[in-house]
PDB file of N, CA and C in Angstrom:
ATOM      1  N   MET A   1      55.925 126.623 115.450  1.00  0.00           N
ATOM      2  CA  MET A   1      57.081 125.812 115.138  1.00  0.00           C
ATOM      3  C   MET A   1      56.671 124.350 115.184  1.00  0.00           C
ATOM      4  N   TYR A   2      57.061 123.594 114.176  1.00  0.00           N
ATOM      5  CA  TYR A   2      56.749 122.177 114.100  1.00  0.00           C
ATOM      6  C   TYR A   2      57.957 121.351 114.508  1.00  0.00           C
ATOM      7  N   CYS A   3      57.705 120.119 114.936  1.00  0.00           N
ATOM      8  CA  CYS A   3      58.759 119.195 115.342  1.00  0.00           C
ATOM      9  C   CYS A   3      59.006 118.212 114.206  1.00  0.00           C
ATOM     10  N   VAL A   4      60.259 117.934 113.945  1.00  0.00           N
ATOM     11  CA  VAL A   4      60.620 116.974 112.911  1.00  0.00           C
ATOM     12  C   VAL A   4      61.188 115.742 113.593  1.00  0.00           C
ATOM     13  N   LYS A   5      60.582 114.590 113.323  1.00  0.00           N
ATOM     14  CA  LYS A   5      61.089 113.327 113.854  1.00  0.00           C
ATOM     15  C   LYS A   5      61.671 112.555 112.683  1.00  0.00           C
ATOM     16  N   CYS A   6      62.853 112.054 112.863  1.00  0.00           N
ATOM     17  CA  CYS A   6      63.548 111.382 111.761  1.00  0.00           C
ATOM     18  C   CYS A   6      64.159 110.085 112.273  1.00  0.00           C
ATOM     19  N   GLY A   7      64.059 109.034 111.477  1.00  0.00           N
ATOM     20  CA  GLY A   7      64.630 107.759 111.877  1.00  0.00           C
ATOM     21  C   GLY A   7      66.138 107.706 111.678  1.00  0.00           C
ATOM     22  N   VAL A   8      66.703 108.697 111.002  1.00  0.00           N
ATOM     23  CA  VAL A   8      68.136 108.711 110.722  1.00  0.00           C
ATOM     24  C   VAL A   8      68.702 110.059 111.133  1.00  0.00           C
ATOM     25  N   LYS A   9      69.802 110.034 111.893  1.00  0.00           N
ATOM     26  CA  LYS A   9      70.451 111.286 112.269  1.00  0.00           C
ATOM     27  C   LYS A   9      71.441 111.653 111.175  1.00  0.00           C
ATOM     28  N   LEU A  10      71.248 112.837 110.584  1.00  0.00           N
ATOM     29  CA  LEU A  10      72.176 113.283 109.556  1.00  0.00           C
ATOM     30  C   LEU A  10      73.460 113.758 110.219  1.00  0.00           C
ATOM     31  N   ALA A  11      74.574 113.518 109.571  1.00  0.00           N
ATOM     32  CA  ALA A  11      75.893 113.876 110.111  1.00  0.00           C
ATOM     33  C   ALA A  11      76.091 115.383 110.105  1.00  0.00           C
ATOM     34  N   ASP A  12      77.217 115.819 110.599  1.00  0.00           N
ATOM     35  CA  ASP A  12      77.586 117.236 110.579  1.00  0.00           C
ATOM     36  C   ASP A  12      77.891 117.623 109.134  1.00  0.00           C
ATOM     37  N   THR A  13      76.841 117.975 108.404  1.00  0.00           N
ATOM     38  CA  THR A  13      76.989 118.187 106.966  1.00  0.00           C
ATOM     39  C   THR A  13      77.778 119.430 106.633  1.00  0.00           C
ATOM     40  N   GLU A  14      77.720 120.461 107.464  1.00  0.00           N
ATOM     41  CA  GLU A  14      78.492 121.673 107.176  1.00  0.00           C
ATOM     42  C   GLU A  14      79.979 121.357 107.136  1.00  0.00           C
ATOM     43  N   LYS A  15      80.465 120.565 108.086  1.00  0.00           N
ATOM     44  CA  LYS A  15      81.877 120.178 108.107  1.00  0.00           C
ATOM     45  C   LYS A  15      82.186 119.263 106.920  1.00  0.00           C
ATOM     46  N   ALA A  16      81.293 118.326 106.626  1.00  0.00           N
ATOM     47  CA  ALA A  16      81.515 117.404 105.511  1.00  0.00           C
ATOM     48  C   ALA A  16      81.598 118.161 104.191  1.00  0.00           C
ATOM     49  N   ILE A  17      80.732 119.145 104.005  1.00  0.00           N
ATOM     50  CA  ILE A  17      80.743 119.935 102.778  1.00  0.00           C
ATOM     51  C   ILE A  17      82.056 120.703 102.667  1.00  0.00           C
ATOM     52  N   ALA A  18      82.511 121.264 103.770  1.00  0.00           N
ATOM     53  CA  ALA A  18      83.748 122.054 103.761  1.00  0.00           C
ATOM     54  C   ALA A  18      84.982 121.176 103.534  1.00  0.00           C
ATOM     55  N   ASP A  19      84.917 119.914 103.981  1.00  0.00           N
ATOM     56  CA  ASP A  19      86.081 119.022 103.915  1.00  0.00           C
ATOM     57  C   ASP A  19      86.174 118.195 102.635  1.00  0.00           C
ATOM     58  N   THR A  20      85.277 118.365 101.716  1.00  0.00           N
ATOM     59  CA  THR A  20      85.292 117.513 100.530  1.00  0.00           C
ATOM     60  C   THR A  20      85.126 118.326  99.253  1.00  0.00           C
ATOM     61  N   GLU A  21      85.591 117.749  98.184  1.00  0.00           N
ATOM     62  CA  GLU A  21      85.394 118.374  96.874  1.00  0.00           C
ATOM     63  C   GLU A  21      84.215 117.741  96.157  1.00  0.00           C
ATOM     64  N   LYS A  22      83.537 116.815  96.810  1.00  0.00           N
ATOM     65  CA  LYS A  22      82.395 116.141  96.207  1.00  0.00           C
ATOM     66  C   LYS A  22      81.174 117.046  96.228  1.00  0.00           C
ATOM     67  N   THR A  23      80.252 116.791  95.321  1.00  0.00           N
ATOM     68  CA  THR A  23      78.992 117.524  95.283  1.00  0.00           C
ATOM     69  C   THR A  23      78.049 116.902  96.299  1.00  0.00           C
ATOM     70  N   ILE A  24      77.616 117.696  97.262  1.00  0.00           N
ATOM     71  CA  ILE A  24      76.695 117.238  98.294  1.00  0.00           C
ATOM     72  C   ILE A  24      75.455 118.109  98.212  1.00  0.00           C
ATOM     73  N   GLY A  25      74.280 117.485  98.245  1.00  0.00           N
ATOM     74  CA  GLY A  25      73.058 118.272  98.151  1.00  0.00           C
ATOM     75  C   GLY A  25      71.884 117.601  98.831  1.00  0.00           C
ATOM     76  N   PHE A  26      70.834 118.379  98.994  1.00  0.00           N
ATOM     77  CA  PHE A  26      69.626 117.939  99.679  1.00  0.00           C
ATOM     78  C   PHE A  26      68.425 118.522  98.958  1.00  0.00           C
ATOM     79  N   SER A  27      67.320 117.766  98.959  1.00  0.00           N
ATOM     80  CA  SER A  27      66.106 118.256  98.327  1.00  0.00           C
ATOM     81  C   SER A  27      64.906 117.596  98.983  1.00  0.00           C
ATOM     82  N   SER A  28      63.874 118.383  99.292  1.00  0.00           N
ATOM     83  CA  SER A  28      62.647 117.845  99.848  1.00  0.00           C
ATOM     84  C   SER A  28      61.672 117.566  98.713  1.00  0.00           C
ATOM     85  N   LEU A  29      61.109 116.365  98.713  1.00  0.00           N
ATOM     86  CA  LEU A  29      60.112 116.014  97.704  1.00  0.00           C
ATOM     87  C   LEU A  29      58.714 116.484  98.105  1.00  0.00           C
ATOM     88  N   GLU A  30      58.523 116.838  99.375  1.00  0.00           N
ATOM     89  CA  GLU A  30      57.243 117.361  99.873  1.00  0.00           C
ATOM     90  C   GLU A  30      57.498 118.633 100.680  1.00  0.00           C
ATOM     91  N   PRO A  31      57.864 119.736 100.012  1.00  0.00           N
ATOM     92  CA  PRO A  31      58.184 120.967 100.737  1.00  0.00           C
ATOM     93  C   PRO A  31      56.996 121.572 101.489  1.00  0.00           C
ATOM     94  N   GLN A  32      55.790 121.097 101.212  1.00  0.00           N
ATOM     95  CA  GLN A  32      54.636 121.580 101.968  1.00  0.00           C
ATOM     96  C   GLN A  32      54.648 121.047 103.403  1.00  0.00           C
ATOM     97  N   PHE A  33      55.443 119.975 103.667  1.00  0.00           N
ATOM     98  CA  PHE A  33      55.563 119.409 105.008  1.00  0.00           C
ATOM     99  C   PHE A  33      56.915 119.708 105.650  1.00  0.00           C
ATOM    100  N   ALA A  34      57.995 119.626 104.870  1.00  0.00           N
ATOM    101  CA  ALA A  34      59.335 119.870 105.409  1.00  0.00           C
ATOM    102  C   ALA A  34      60.233 120.424 104.311  1.00  0.00           C
ATOM    103  N   ARG A  35      61.062 121.376 104.696  1.00  0.00           N
ATOM    104  CA  ARG A  35      62.047 121.943 103.772  1.00  0.00           C
ATOM    105  C   ARG A  35      63.432 121.615 104.301  1.00  0.00           C
ATOM    106  N   VAL A  36      64.400 121.572 103.395  1.00  0.00           N
ATOM    107  CA  VAL A  36      65.773 121.282 103.779  1.00  0.00           C
ATOM    108  C   VAL A  36      66.676 122.314 103.117  1.00  0.00           C
ATOM    109  N   ASP A  37      67.642 122.838 103.876  1.00  0.00           N
ATOM    110  CA  ASP A  37      68.538 123.844 103.306  1.00  0.00           C
ATOM    111  C   ASP A  37      69.793 123.184 102.748  1.00  0.00           C
ATOM    112  N   ALA A  38      70.695 123.993 102.234  1.00  0.00           N
ATOM    113  CA  ALA A  38      71.911 123.495 101.585  1.00  0.00           C
ATOM    114  C   ALA A  38      72.837 122.764 102.547  1.00  0.00           C
ATOM    115  N   ASN A  39      72.667 122.973 103.862  1.00  0.00           N
ATOM    116  CA  ASN A  39      73.495 122.305 104.864  1.00  0.00           C
ATOM    117  C   ASN A  39      72.828 121.062 105.444  1.00  0.00           C
ATOM    118  N   GLY A  40      71.637 120.712 104.933  1.00  0.00           N
ATOM    119  CA  GLY A  40      70.947 119.523 105.413  1.00  0.00           C
ATOM    120  C   GLY A  40      70.066 119.758 106.618  1.00  0.00           C
ATOM    121  N   ARG A  41      69.851 121.008 107.000  1.00  0.00           N
ATOM    122  CA  ARG A  41      68.980 121.307 108.139  1.00  0.00           C
ATOM    123  C   ARG A  41      67.530 121.228 107.679  1.00  0.00           C
ATOM    124  N   VAL A  42      66.752 120.340 108.314  1.00  0.00           N
ATOM    125  CA  VAL A  42      65.353 120.126 107.954  1.00  0.00           C
ATOM    126  C   VAL A  42      64.468 120.973 108.858  1.00  0.00           C
ATOM    127  N   THR A  43      63.517 121.693 108.249  1.00  0.00           N
ATOM    128  CA  THR A  43      62.570 122.530 108.984  1.00  0.00           C
ATOM    129  C   THR A  43      61.159 122.045 108.695  1.00  0.00           C
ATOM    130  N   GLY A  44      60.402 121.756 109.749  1.00  0.00           N
ATOM    131  CA  GLY A  44      59.019 121.335 109.592  1.00  0.00           C
ATOM    132  C   GLY A  44      58.142 122.518 109.213  1.00  0.00           C
ATOM    133  N   ILE A  45      57.232 122.313 108.263  1.00  0.00           N
ATOM    134  CA  ILE A  45      56.326 123.356 107.792  1.00  0.00           C
ATOM    135  C   ILE A  45      54.891 123.055 108.235  1.00  0.00           C
ATOM    136  N   ALA A  46      54.479 121.798 108.098  1.00  0.00           N
ATOM    137  CA  ALA A  46      53.138 121.368 108.481  1.00  0.00           C
ATOM    138  C   ALA A  46      53.189 119.885 108.827  1.00  0.00           C
ATOM    139  N   GLU A  47      52.195 119.411 109.574  1.00  0.00           N
ATOM    140  CA  GLU A  47      52.167 118.000 109.933  1.00  0.00           C
ATOM    141  C   GLU A  47      52.086 117.134 108.680  1.00  0.00           C
ATOM    142  N   GLY A  48      52.892 116.087 108.652  1.00  0.00           N
ATOM    143  CA  GLY A  48      52.879 115.157 107.531  1.00  0.00           C
ATOM    144  C   GLY A  48      54.196 114.431 107.409  1.00  0.00           C
ATOM    145  N   GLU A  49      54.343 113.725 106.320  1.00  0.00           N
ATOM    146  CA  GLU A  49      55.530 112.921 106.049  1.00  0.00           C
ATOM    147  C   GLU A  49      56.215 113.472 104.805  1.00  0.00           C
ATOM    148  N   ALA A  50      57.519 113.634 104.878  1.00  0.00           N
ATOM    149  CA  ALA A  50      58.265 114.168 103.741  1.00  0.00           C
ATOM    150  C   ALA A  50      59.471 113.289 103.442  1.00  0.00           C
ATOM    151  N   SER A  51      59.750 113.149 102.174  1.00  0.00           N
ATOM    152  CA  SER A  51      60.940 112.427 101.725  1.00  0.00           C
ATOM    153  C   SER A  51      62.017 113.448 101.386  1.00  0.00           C
ATOM    154  N   ILE A  52      63.209 113.241 101.938  1.00  0.00           N
ATOM    155  CA  ILE A  52      64.342 114.123 101.687  1.00  0.00           C
ATOM    156  C   ILE A  52      65.383 113.339 100.889  1.00  0.00           C
ATOM    157  N   LEU A  53      65.762 113.873  99.742  1.00  0.00           N
ATOM    158  CA  LEU A  53      66.830 113.272  98.949  1.00  0.00           C
ATOM    159  C   LEU A  53      68.162 113.821  99.437  1.00  0.00           C
ATOM    160  N   VAL A  54      69.100 112.925  99.710  1.00  0.00           N
ATOM    161  CA  VAL A  54      70.455 113.297 100.103  1.00  0.00           C
ATOM    162  C   VAL A  54      71.375 112.702  99.049  1.00  0.00           C
ATOM    163  N   TYR A  55      72.187 113.551  98.432  1.00  0.00           N
ATOM    164  CA  TYR A  55      73.070 113.014  97.406  1.00  0.00           C
ATOM    165  C   TYR A  55      74.501 113.503  97.577  1.00  0.00           C
ATOM    166  N   VAL A  56      75.431 112.590  97.278  1.00  0.00           N
ATOM    167  CA  VAL A  56      76.860 112.870  97.266  1.00  0.00           C
ATOM    168  C   VAL A  56      77.354 112.354  95.927  1.00  0.00           C
ATOM    169  N   ASP A  57      77.748 113.278  95.063  1.00  0.00           N
ATOM    170  CA  ASP A  57      78.091 112.942  93.683  1.00  0.00           C
ATOM    171  C   ASP A  57      76.946 112.136  93.070  1.00  0.00           C
ATOM    172  N   SER A  58      77.196 110.907  92.651  1.00  0.00           N
ATOM    173  CA  SER A  58      76.152 110.120  91.993  1.00  0.00           C
ATOM    174  C   SER A  58      75.401 109.190  92.947  1.00  0.00           C
ATOM    175  N   ILE A  59      75.725 109.212  94.235  1.00  0.00           N
ATOM    176  CA  ILE A  59      75.048 108.373  95.223  1.00  0.00           C
ATOM    177  C   ILE A  59      73.866 109.143  95.793  1.00  0.00           C
ATOM    178  N   VAL A  60      72.687 108.523  95.761  1.00  0.00           N
ATOM    179  CA  VAL A  60      71.473 109.181  96.250  1.00  0.00           C
ATOM    180  C   VAL A  60      70.814 108.286  97.295  1.00  0.00           C
ATOM    181  N   GLU A  61      70.427 108.880  98.417  1.00  0.00           N
ATOM    182  CA  GLU A  61      69.695 108.174  99.464  1.00  0.00           C
ATOM    183  C   GLU A  61      68.409 108.933  99.745  1.00  0.00           C
ATOM    184  N   LEU A  62      67.397 108.220 100.164  1.00  0.00           N
ATOM    185  CA  LEU A  62      66.111 108.812 100.505  1.00  0.00           C
ATOM    186  C   LEU A  62      65.889 108.659 102.002  1.00  0.00           C
ATOM    187  N   VAL A  63      65.602 109.758 102.687  1.00  0.00           N
ATOM    188  CA  VAL A  63      65.350 109.756 104.122  1.00  0.00           C
ATOM    189  C   VAL A  63      63.924 110.251 104.337  1.00  0.00           C
ATOM    190  N   THR A  64      63.148 109.539 105.132  1.00  0.00           N
ATOM    191  CA  THR A  64      61.792 109.959 105.438  1.00  0.00           C
ATOM    192  C   THR A  64      61.778 110.665 106.781  1.00  0.00           C
ATOM    193  N   VAL A  65      61.152 111.836 106.832  1.00  0.00           N
ATOM    194  CA  VAL A  65      60.998 112.566 108.084  1.00  0.00           C
ATOM    195  C   VAL A  65      59.511 112.712 108.378  1.00  0.00           C
ATOM    196  N   TYR A  66      59.173 112.744 109.639  1.00  0.00           N
ATOM    197  CA  TYR A  66      57.794 112.883 110.078  1.00  0.00           C
ATOM    198  C   TYR A  66      57.674 114.200 110.844  1.00  0.00           C
ATOM    199  N   VAL A  67      56.774 115.048 110.413  1.00  0.00           N
ATOM    200  CA  VAL A  67      56.590 116.351 111.044  1.00  0.00           C
ATOM    201  C   VAL A  67      55.318 116.295 111.872  1.00  0.00           C
ATOM    202  N   THR A  68      55.442 116.657 113.150  1.00  0.00           N
ATOM    203  CA  THR A  68      54.296 116.644 114.062  1.00  0.00           C
ATOM    204  C   THR A  68      54.163 118.009 114.721  1.00  0.00           C
ATOM    205  N   ALA A  69      52.956 118.323 115.148  1.00  0.00           N
ATOM    206  CA  ALA A  69      52.729 119.569 115.884  1.00  0.00           C
ATOM    207  C   ALA A  69      53.337 119.406 117.275  1.00  0.00           C
ATOM    208  N   PRO A  70      53.869 120.498 117.828  1.00  0.00           N
ATOM    209  CA  PRO A  70      54.458 120.410 119.168  1.00  0.00           C
ATOM    210  C   PRO A  70      53.397 120.101 120.209  1.00  0.00           C
ATOM    211  N   LYS A  71      53.792 119.360 121.243  1.00  0.00           N
ATOM    212  CA  LYS A  71      52.867 119.063 122.344  1.00  0.00           C
ATOM    213  C   LYS A  71      52.834 120.244 123.290  1.00  0.00           C
ATOM    214  N   ILE A  72      51.648 120.672 123.630  1.00  0.00           N
ATOM    215  CA  ILE A  72      51.480 121.778 124.577  1.00  0.00           C
ATOM    216  C   ILE A  72      51.193 121.169 125.946  1.00  0.00           C
ATOM    217  N   GLU A  73      52.031 121.512 126.884  1.00  0.00           N
ATOM    218  CA  GLU A  73      51.867 120.958 128.237  1.00  0.00           C
ATOM    219  C   GLU A  73      51.434 122.022 129.202  1.00  0.00           C
TER     220      GLU A  73
END
């Protein structure tokens, strides 16, 4: 399991999707490092940096996430 570090906390997207008629979506530009599901949950795949597109209707934002290997203590 990989750890995902993100400079931005995504909101409760499941509730937002249910409460709106707007089109809300997510897409990873580097799925080899991180994947994102339809609810905005990001899963780390391998160490690296991934850009996640977040869009609401015609508004698009880019969020960068950093995936690191877990620390073994």
